[in-house]
Amino acid sequence: MRVFVTGATGFIGTAVIQELIQAGHEVTGLVRSTEGARKLTTLGAKAQQGTVENVEDLRRGVAGADGVIHTAFFHKFSHASLSTRVKIVLGGNPRHAASRFMAIATETDRRAIETLGKALSGEDRSLVMAFPTMALRAGSLATENDPSDPQSVGGGRTISETTTLTLANHGIRSSVIRIAPLVHGMGDKSGLLPTLISIARKKGVSAYVEDGVNRWPAVHRLDTARLFRLALEQASAGSIFHAVGEEGVPFRDIAHAIGRYLNVPVSSIKKEQASAHFGWLGAFVSVDNYVSSTFTQERLGWNIQQPDLFTDMEQGHYF
């Protein structure tokens, strides 16, 4: 199968590309730079320079593809083009810059998905889209049958899931993979786990909020990559899957593990202190994101093969 991958040089994207190539697929990845292009060719993939902001770049990538895996999203300010960054900075009150950034990021994602879908329409081709489990209802076990929640901490991205699933009505095998916030593995430099480690190192304390019993799911990047391949090959139109290896790791346990490896104290903080301590992560650290992947494992024959979160941390590459 000829596969077009967005977010191709990201932590998950590169693992997806390696998984696809090992399975015999021909892969082209969308990259923003010549450095990114060199990285992909080293992996054995073709590179197409462009951005998810440019619909013509997306149409060109889909033109020769049998399927698309869409992992790109503006997770950082630097991911946006210069003109978009200027619009965010100069677009109004500086205090609202973060909300402007998120609004532009979600609209860019919606438009990209819609563009990819239209380019794929008319044939039984596959589109697999990455989505965060943090956009699900908090506080109880979430399954693949549960809709995303616009009121959740990640709810701004529900439009992306809705847009993807709607494409199933147009002859596209569209599917969504909801990914745990803690995607871990070798090479993780900017994910949520290294961010938490960096904060603890800088602050001199590894913190959790209140009693810290809220849970975050976790998954290894290589297990995640395999799930994307299985969905590309097998998923029926309108399917939802969960890239979750561990349903819910108590945040307090994560804080204690970080504290132990950094040799810093571990402490509870009040909820109103979370933003001051964790920065932009303050809105997420107390969320109870408890998520099941039972249907995913049964439907696609996906099983966990890689180390769990704490085993991965014990191997030392995070410290």
Protein backbone atom coordinates (compact mmCIF):
# COMPACT_ATOMS: atom_id res chain seq x y z
CA MET A 1 0.00 0.00 0.00
CA ARG A 2 1.19 3.55 -0.77
CA VAL A 3 0.78 5.60 2.41
CA PHE A 4 1.00 9.35 2.99
CA VAL A 5 1.93 10.32 6.57
CA THR A 6 1.65 13.77 8.15
CA GLY A 7 3.64 14.59 11.27
CA ALA A 8 6.23 12.29 9.75
CA THR A 9 9.25 13.43 11.76
CA GLY A 10 7.48 13.47 15.14
CA PHE A 11 8.05 11.01 17.99
CA ILE A 12 5.03 8.94 16.96
CA GLY A 13 5.25 9.70 13.24
CA THR A 14 8.75 8.28 12.79
CA ALA A 15 7.75 5.10 14.62
CA VAL A 16 4.68 4.79 12.37
CA ILE A 17 6.83 5.17 9.26
CA GLN A 18 9.28 2.50 10.43
CA GLU A 19 6.39 0.16 11.24
CA LEU A 20 4.83 0.68 7.80
CA ILE A 21 8.07 0.13 5.93
CA GLN A 22 8.83 -3.05 7.89
CA ALA A 23 5.36 -4.31 6.89
CA GLY A 24 6.14 -3.72 3.20
CA HIS A 25 4.26 -0.47 2.60
CA GLU A 26 5.61 2.36 0.45
CA VAL A 27 5.64 5.55 2.52
CA THR A 28 5.80 9.27 1.75
CA GLY A 29 6.01 11.67 4.68
CA LEU A 30 5.13 15.36 4.84
CA VAL A 31 8.06 17.37 6.24
CA ARG A 32 8.69 21.07 6.85
CA SER A 33 12.44 21.14 6.24
CA THR A 34 15.32 19.62 4.29
CA GLU A 35 16.61 18.23 7.58
CA GLY A 36 13.31 16.42 8.03
CA ALA A 37 13.52 15.13 4.47
CA ARG A 38 16.99 13.69 5.14
CA LYS A 39 15.66 11.99 8.26
CA LEU A 40 12.88 10.27 6.31
CA THR A 41 15.11 9.11 3.47
CA THR A 42 17.42 7.56 6.08
CA LEU A 43 14.42 5.57 7.32
CA GLY A 44 13.66 4.40 3.79
CA ALA A 45 10.67 6.68 3.11
CA LYS A 46 10.10 9.37 0.52
CA ALA A 47 9.79 12.97 1.66
CA GLN A 48 7.47 15.68 0.45
CA GLN A 49 8.20 19.16 1.76
CA GLY A 50 5.19 21.19 2.82
CA THR A 51 2.91 21.93 5.76
CA VAL A 52 -0.54 20.94 6.97
CA GLU A 53 -1.51 24.61 6.61
CA ASN A 54 -1.19 24.39 2.82
CA VAL A 55 -4.08 22.43 1.33
CA GLU A 56 -2.25 22.04 -1.98
CA ASP A 57 0.59 20.25 -0.19
CA LEU A 58 -1.95 17.87 1.31
CA ARG A 59 -3.72 17.24 -2.00
CA ARG A 60 -0.39 16.54 -3.69
CA GLY A 61 0.53 14.02 -0.99
CA VAL A 62 -2.77 12.18 -1.25
CA ALA A 63 -2.77 12.07 -5.06
CA GLY A 64 -0.60 8.98 -5.26
CA ALA A 65 -1.65 7.35 -1.99
CA ASP A 66 -3.87 4.41 -1.12
CA GLY A 67 -4.19 5.60 2.46
CA VAL A 68 -3.29 8.42 4.84
CA ILE A 69 -2.13 8.48 8.46
CA HIS A 70 -2.60 11.95 9.94
CA THR A 71 -0.54 12.52 13.10
CA ALA A 72 0.35 16.19 12.62
CA PHE A 73 -0.93 18.86 15.00
CA PHE A 74 0.39 22.21 16.25
CA HIS A 75 1.59 21.04 19.65
CA LYS A 76 4.11 23.88 19.77
CA PHE A 77 4.11 27.51 18.68
CA SER A 78 7.07 26.75 16.40
CA HIS A 79 5.02 24.21 14.44
CA ALA A 80 2.98 27.01 12.86
CA SER A 81 4.17 29.05 9.89
CA LEU A 82 5.70 32.48 10.43
CA SER A 83 2.58 34.25 9.16
CA THR A 84 0.39 32.23 11.52
CA ARG A 85 2.68 32.99 14.47
CA VAL A 86 2.50 36.70 13.68
CA LYS A 87 -1.29 36.47 13.56
CA ILE A 88 -1.35 34.81 16.97
CA VAL A 89 1.02 37.31 18.58
CA LEU A 90 -0.51 40.45 17.09
CA GLY A 91 -4.11 39.27 16.99
CA GLY A 92 -5.27 40.88 20.22
CA ASN A 93 -4.72 40.88 23.95
CA PRO A 94 -1.40 39.12 24.75
CA ARG A 95 -3.10 37.30 27.62
CA HIS A 96 -5.32 35.51 25.12
CA ALA A 97 -2.47 34.41 22.84
CA ALA A 98 -2.67 30.80 24.09
CA SER A 99 -6.39 30.56 23.29
CA ARG A 100 -5.78 32.12 19.84
CA PHE A 101 -3.07 29.56 19.21
CA MET A 102 -5.36 26.67 20.17
CA ALA A 103 -8.21 28.02 18.03
CA ILE A 104 -5.93 28.28 15.00
CA ALA A 105 -4.40 24.85 15.69
CA THR A 106 -7.79 23.12 15.85
CA GLU A 107 -9.11 24.93 12.77
CA THR A 108 -5.95 24.04 10.84
CA ASP A 109 -6.42 20.41 11.85
CA ARG A 110 -10.10 20.39 10.86
CA ARG A 111 -9.30 21.92 7.47
CA ALA A 112 -6.45 19.44 6.91
CA ILE A 113 -8.69 16.45 7.70
CA GLU A 114 -11.42 17.78 5.43
CA THR A 115 -8.89 18.31 2.63
CA LEU A 116 -7.38 14.84 3.02
CA GLY A 117 -10.86 13.32 3.06
CA LYS A 118 -12.00 15.08 -0.11
CA ALA A 119 -8.82 14.03 -1.88
CA LEU A 120 -9.43 10.39 -0.86
CA SER A 121 -13.14 10.34 -1.67
CA GLY A 122 -14.63 8.20 -4.38
CA GLU A 123 -12.54 5.15 -3.58
CA ASP A 124 -12.27 2.71 -0.69
CA ARG A 125 -9.15 4.32 0.73
CA SER A 126 -8.18 4.68 4.36
CA LEU A 127 -7.66 7.73 6.58
CA VAL A 128 -6.43 7.20 10.16
CA MET A 129 -6.33 10.24 12.44
CA ALA A 130 -4.54 10.75 15.79
CA PHE A 131 -6.59 12.18 18.67
CA PRO A 132 -5.95 12.65 22.43
CA THR A 133 -7.69 10.62 25.14
CA MET A 134 -7.64 13.84 27.17
CA ALA A 135 -10.63 14.90 25.05
CA LEU A 136 -12.79 12.21 26.68
CA ARG A 137 -15.08 12.55 29.69
CA ALA A 138 -13.03 12.53 32.88
CA GLY A 139 -13.60 10.54 36.05
CA SER A 140 -14.87 7.18 34.79
CA LEU A 141 -13.64 4.42 32.51
CA ALA A 142 -13.91 5.62 28.90
CA THR A 143 -14.36 3.08 26.11
CA GLU A 144 -14.19 3.28 22.34
CA ASN A 145 -17.99 3.64 22.29
CA ASP A 146 -17.91 6.88 24.27
CA PRO A 147 -18.04 10.15 22.31
CA SER A 148 -15.39 12.77 22.86
CA ASP A 149 -16.41 15.49 25.30
CA PRO A 150 -16.31 19.17 24.20
CA GLN A 151 -16.24 20.16 27.89
CA SER A 152 -13.14 18.09 28.66
CA VAL A 153 -9.69 19.61 29.10
CA GLY A 154 -8.85 18.58 25.54
CA GLY A 155 -12.36 19.18 24.23
CA GLY A 156 -11.32 21.84 21.74
CA ARG A 157 -10.19 19.06 19.44
CA THR A 158 -13.54 17.23 19.24
CA ILE A 159 -14.21 18.87 15.88
CA SER A 160 -11.28 16.90 14.43
CA GLU A 161 -12.76 13.59 15.53
CA THR A 162 -16.23 14.54 14.30
CA THR A 163 -14.85 15.61 10.92
CA THR A 164 -12.92 12.36 10.53
CA LEU A 165 -15.84 10.11 11.43
CA THR A 166 -18.19 12.01 9.12
CA LEU A 167 -15.94 11.09 6.19
CA ALA A 168 -17.17 7.51 6.59
CA ASN A 169 -20.37 8.70 4.91
CA HIS A 170 -18.39 9.53 1.77
CA GLY A 171 -16.87 6.13 1.02
CA ILE A 172 -13.68 6.63 3.04
CA ARG A 173 -12.47 4.10 5.61
CA SER A 174 -11.90 6.82 8.15
CA SER A 175 -10.91 5.89 11.69
CA VAL A 176 -9.68 7.62 14.83
CA ILE A 177 -6.93 6.47 17.17
CA ARG A 178 -7.22 8.09 20.58
CA ILE A 179 -3.75 8.22 22.08
CA ALA A 180 -2.82 8.13 25.78
CA PRO A 181 -1.09 11.28 27.09
CA LEU A 182 1.93 9.25 28.24
CA VAL A 183 3.43 7.88 25.02
CA HIS A 184 6.85 6.67 26.11
CA GLY A 185 9.93 5.00 24.65
CA MET A 186 13.47 5.57 23.48
CA GLY A 187 13.92 8.98 21.85
CA ASP A 188 11.18 10.73 23.82
CA LYS A 189 12.54 14.26 24.20
CA SER A 190 9.51 16.55 24.23
CA GLY A 191 6.53 14.43 25.29
CA LEU A 192 4.61 14.84 28.53
CA LEU A 193 6.85 12.54 30.58
CA PRO A 194 10.11 14.41 29.80
CA THR A 195 8.20 17.66 30.37
CA LEU A 196 7.17 16.50 33.86
CA ILE A 197 10.75 15.41 34.55
CA SER A 198 12.08 18.78 33.39
CA ILE A 199 9.63 20.65 35.65
CA ALA A 200 10.61 18.53 38.67
CA ARG A 201 14.29 19.07 37.97
CA LYS A 202 13.83 22.83 37.60
CA LYS A 203 11.56 23.22 40.65
CA GLY A 204 13.55 20.83 42.84
CA VAL A 205 10.39 18.92 43.74
CA SER A 206 8.24 16.32 42.00
CA ALA A 207 4.64 17.35 42.59
CA TYR A 208 1.15 15.94 42.23
CA VAL A 209 -2.20 17.66 42.85
CA GLU A 210 -4.18 17.04 46.05
CA ASP A 211 -4.18 13.27 46.76
CA GLY A 212 -2.76 12.44 43.29
CA VAL A 213 -5.08 9.47 42.74
CA ASN A 214 -6.21 10.77 39.34
CA ARG A 215 -5.09 8.43 36.56
CA TRP A 216 -3.33 8.87 33.23
CA PRO A 217 -3.19 6.09 30.64
CA ALA A 218 0.14 5.17 29.06
CA VAL A 219 1.39 3.37 25.96
CA HIS A 220 4.72 2.62 24.30
CA ARG A 221 5.38 4.42 21.00
CA LEU A 222 6.13 1.15 19.16
CA ASP A 223 2.83 -0.40 20.27
CA THR A 224 1.15 2.83 19.14
CA ALA A 225 2.82 2.65 15.73
CA ARG A 226 1.64 -0.93 15.24
CA LEU A 227 -1.92 0.10 16.06
CA PHE A 228 -1.83 2.78 13.36
CA ARG A 229 -0.72 0.18 10.82
CA LEU A 230 -3.43 -2.27 11.85
CA ALA A 231 -6.09 0.44 11.62
CA LEU A 232 -4.84 1.47 8.18
CA GLU A 233 -5.04 -2.11 6.95
CA GLN A 234 -8.15 -3.39 8.71
CA ALA A 235 -10.37 -0.69 10.19
CA SER A 236 -13.92 -0.33 8.96
CA ALA A 237 -15.30 3.11 8.18
CA GLY A 238 -16.13 5.19 11.24
CA SER A 239 -14.10 3.13 13.72
CA ILE A 240 -12.57 4.41 16.96
CA PHE A 241 -9.59 2.75 18.66
CA HIS A 242 -7.64 3.45 21.84
CA ALA A 243 -3.84 3.45 21.90
CA VAL A 244 -3.73 2.57 25.58
CA GLY A 245 -1.40 -0.02 27.10
CA GLU A 246 -2.09 0.85 30.75
CA GLU A 247 -5.61 2.07 31.50
CA GLY A 248 -4.72 4.43 34.30
CA VAL A 249 -1.47 5.05 36.17
CA PRO A 250 -2.04 7.14 39.33
CA PHE A 251 -0.38 10.52 38.88
CA ARG A 252 1.02 10.29 42.41
CA ASP A 253 2.93 7.13 41.42
CA ILE A 254 4.40 8.93 38.42
CA ALA A 255 5.51 11.81 40.65
CA HIS A 256 7.13 9.39 43.12
CA ALA A 257 9.01 7.61 40.33
CA ILE A 258 10.32 10.92 38.97
CA GLY A 259 11.31 12.05 42.46
CA ARG A 260 13.17 8.81 43.09
CA TYR A 261 15.18 8.95 39.87
CA LEU A 262 15.99 12.66 40.24
CA ASN A 263 16.60 12.36 43.99
CA VAL A 264 14.25 15.26 44.73
CA PRO A 265 11.41 15.40 47.29
CA VAL A 266 7.86 14.49 46.30
CA SER A 267 5.04 16.74 47.43
CA SER A 268 1.31 17.33 47.09
CA ILE A 269 0.18 20.78 45.97
CA LYS A 270 -3.24 22.40 45.95
CA LYS A 271 -5.24 22.49 42.72
CA GLU A 272 -5.03 26.29 42.61
CA GLN A 273 -1.22 26.00 42.63
CA ALA A 274 -1.08 23.68 39.62
CA SER A 275 -0.70 26.34 36.93
CA ALA A 276 2.07 28.14 38.81
CA HIS A 277 3.98 24.90 39.28
CA PHE A 278 3.31 23.05 36.01
CA GLY A 279 2.76 25.96 33.61
CA TRP A 280 0.60 25.06 30.60
CA LEU A 281 0.31 21.50 31.95
CA GLY A 282 -1.49 22.82 35.03
CA ALA A 283 -4.90 22.27 33.44
CA PHE A 284 -4.11 18.59 32.78
CA VAL A 285 -2.23 17.25 35.81
CA SER A 286 -5.30 16.73 38.02
CA VAL A 287 -7.50 15.20 35.28
CA ASP A 288 -8.65 11.61 35.85
CA ASN A 289 -8.18 10.18 32.35
CA TYR A 290 -9.08 6.51 32.85
CA VAL A 291 -9.33 4.74 29.47
CA SER A 292 -9.93 1.18 28.26
CA SER A 293 -8.60 -0.44 25.06
CA THR A 294 -10.44 -3.76 25.34
CA PHE A 295 -12.42 -3.33 22.11
CA THR A 296 -9.30 -2.20 20.24
CA GLN A 297 -7.39 -5.29 21.26
CA GLU A 298 -10.29 -7.60 20.36
CA ARG A 299 -11.19 -5.92 17.07
CA LEU A 300 -7.69 -5.53 15.60
CA GLY A 301 -5.80 -8.28 17.43
CA TRP A 302 -3.61 -5.57 18.94
CA ASN A 303 -1.64 -6.75 21.96
CA ILE A 304 0.91 -4.98 24.11
CA GLN A 305 4.43 -6.11 23.31
CA GLN A 306 6.61 -3.31 24.66
CA PRO A 307 7.62 -2.35 28.25
CA ASP A 308 5.15 -0.52 30.49
CA LEU A 309 5.76 3.02 31.72
CA PHE A 310 7.75 2.30 34.88
CA THR A 311 9.83 -0.43 33.24
CA ASP A 312 10.68 2.05 30.50
CA MET A 313 11.67 4.64 33.11
CA GLU A 314 13.87 2.07 34.88
CA GLN A 315 15.87 1.57 31.69
CA GLY A 316 17.36 4.99 32.31
CA HIS A 317 17.07 6.84 29.01
CA TYR A 318 14.72 9.40 30.58
CA PHE A 319 17.34 10.33 33.18
